[in-house]
Amino acid sequence: MSTPDIVLSAQNLVKRFGGITATGNVSLDLHKGARHALIGPNGA
């Protein structure tokens, strides 16, 4: 089975709100034709 084409690749992303780090060192690959979702700890 071949791997679908990667259309977006991101490594070590960090998002901060003031002094609060919401995400740290998040990495992901988005593949052509796949469905993706990001869900936080509270379900949002």
N, C-alpha and C. Protein backbone atom coordinates (compact mmCIF):
# COMPACT_ATOMS: atom_id res chain seq x y z
N MET A 1 0.85 -1.18 0.00
CA MET A 1 0.00 0.00 0.00
C MET A 1 0.89 1.24 0.00
N SER A 2 0.62 2.19 -0.88
CA SER A 2 1.42 3.41 -0.95
C SER A 2 0.89 4.46 0.02
N THR A 3 1.78 5.34 0.47
CA THR A 3 1.40 6.42 1.37
C THR A 3 0.80 7.56 0.57
N PRO A 4 -0.38 8.08 0.99
CA PRO A 4 -0.97 9.23 0.28
C PRO A 4 -0.05 10.44 0.34
N ASP A 5 -0.18 11.30 -0.65
CA ASP A 5 0.64 12.51 -0.70
C ASP A 5 0.39 13.40 0.51
N ILE A 6 1.47 13.91 1.08
CA ILE A 6 1.37 14.87 2.18
C ILE A 6 1.17 16.25 1.56
N VAL A 7 0.08 16.94 1.95
CA VAL A 7 -0.20 18.27 1.41
C VAL A 7 0.22 19.37 2.38
N LEU A 8 0.40 19.02 3.66
CA LEU A 8 0.88 19.98 4.66
C LEU A 8 1.61 19.22 5.74
N SER A 9 2.79 19.70 6.08
CA SER A 9 3.58 19.10 7.15
C SER A 9 4.01 20.22 8.08
N ALA A 10 3.82 20.02 9.39
CA ALA A 10 4.22 21.02 10.38
C ALA A 10 4.91 20.31 11.54
N GLN A 11 5.97 20.92 12.04
CA GLN A 11 6.71 20.33 13.15
C GLN A 11 6.92 21.34 14.26
N ASN A 12 6.79 20.84 15.48
CA ASN A 12 7.12 21.61 16.69
C ASN A 12 6.36 22.93 16.81
N LEU A 13 5.07 22.91 16.49
CA LEU A 13 4.25 24.12 16.62
C LEU A 13 3.95 24.39 18.09
N VAL A 14 3.95 25.68 18.45
CA VAL A 14 3.64 26.10 19.82
C VAL A 14 2.64 27.25 19.72
N LYS A 15 1.59 27.22 20.56
CA LYS A 15 0.63 28.32 20.62
C LYS A 15 0.52 28.77 22.06
N ARG A 16 0.77 30.07 22.27
CA ARG A 16 0.71 30.64 23.61
C ARG A 16 -0.32 31.77 23.66
N PHE A 17 -0.99 31.88 24.78
CA PHE A 17 -1.90 32.98 25.06
C PHE A 17 -1.36 33.66 26.31
N GLY A 18 -0.66 34.78 26.12
CA GLY A 18 -0.02 35.42 27.26
C GLY A 18 1.03 34.48 27.83
N GLY A 19 0.93 34.18 29.11
CA GLY A 19 1.88 33.27 29.76
C GLY A 19 1.45 31.82 29.74
N ILE A 20 0.33 31.51 29.07
CA ILE A 20 -0.19 30.15 29.05
C ILE A 20 0.15 29.49 27.72
N THR A 21 0.78 28.33 27.78
CA THR A 21 1.07 27.56 26.57
C THR A 21 -0.09 26.60 26.33
N ALA A 22 -0.83 26.85 25.24
CA ALA A 22 -1.98 26.01 24.91
C ALA A 22 -1.54 24.69 24.29
N THR A 23 -0.56 24.73 23.41
CA THR A 23 0.02 23.52 22.81
C THR A 23 1.52 23.70 22.74
N GLY A 24 2.23 22.61 22.90
CA GLY A 24 3.68 22.67 22.83
C GLY A 24 4.24 21.55 21.99
N ASN A 25 5.05 21.92 21.01
CA ASN A 25 5.74 20.95 20.16
C ASN A 25 4.79 19.97 19.47
N VAL A 26 3.74 20.48 18.87
CA VAL A 26 2.79 19.66 18.12
C VAL A 26 3.31 19.50 16.69
N SER A 27 3.34 18.27 16.21
CA SER A 27 3.75 17.99 14.83
C SER A 27 2.66 17.18 14.15
N LEU A 28 2.44 17.44 12.86
CA LEU A 28 1.43 16.68 12.13
C LEU A 28 1.69 16.72 10.64
N ASP A 29 1.19 15.70 9.96
CA ASP A 29 1.20 15.63 8.50
C ASP A 29 -0.23 15.48 8.03
N LEU A 30 -0.65 16.31 7.08
CA LEU A 30 -1.98 16.20 6.50
C LEU A 30 -1.84 15.55 5.13
N HIS A 31 -2.59 14.47 4.92
CA HIS A 31 -2.49 13.69 3.69
C HIS A 31 -3.65 14.01 2.75
N LYS A 32 -3.37 14.06 1.47
CA LYS A 32 -4.37 14.33 0.44
C LYS A 32 -5.50 13.31 0.55
N GLY A 33 -6.74 13.81 0.58
CA GLY A 33 -7.92 12.96 0.60
C GLY A 33 -8.33 12.47 1.98
N ALA A 34 -7.54 12.75 3.01
CA ALA A 34 -7.87 12.30 4.37
C ALA A 34 -8.67 13.37 5.09
N ARG A 35 -9.41 12.96 6.10
CA ARG A 35 -10.17 13.90 6.94
C ARG A 35 -9.41 14.07 8.25
N HIS A 36 -9.39 15.32 8.74
CA HIS A 36 -8.62 15.62 9.94
C HIS A 36 -9.46 16.45 10.89
N ALA A 37 -9.22 16.28 12.19
CA ALA A 37 -9.88 17.09 13.21
C ALA A 37 -8.92 17.25 14.38
N LEU A 38 -8.98 18.41 15.01
CA LEU A 38 -8.23 18.65 16.24
C LEU A 38 -9.24 18.87 17.35
N ILE A 39 -9.11 18.10 18.41
CA ILE A 39 -10.04 18.21 19.54
C ILE A 39 -9.22 18.39 20.81
N GLY A 40 -9.57 19.42 21.57
CA GLY A 40 -8.87 19.70 22.81
C GLY A 40 -9.38 18.84 23.96
N PRO A 41 -8.73 18.95 25.11
CA PRO A 41 -9.10 18.13 26.27
C PRO A 41 -10.55 18.33 26.73
N ASN A 42 -11.11 19.53 26.49
CA ASN A 42 -12.49 19.78 26.90
C ASN A 42 -13.48 19.48 25.78
N GLY A 43 -13.01 18.92 24.68
CA GLY A 43 -13.89 18.55 23.57
C GLY A 43 -14.11 19.65 22.56
N ALA A 44 -13.53 20.83 22.78
CA ALA A 44 -13.71 21.94 21.84
C ALA A 44 -12.79 21.81 20.65
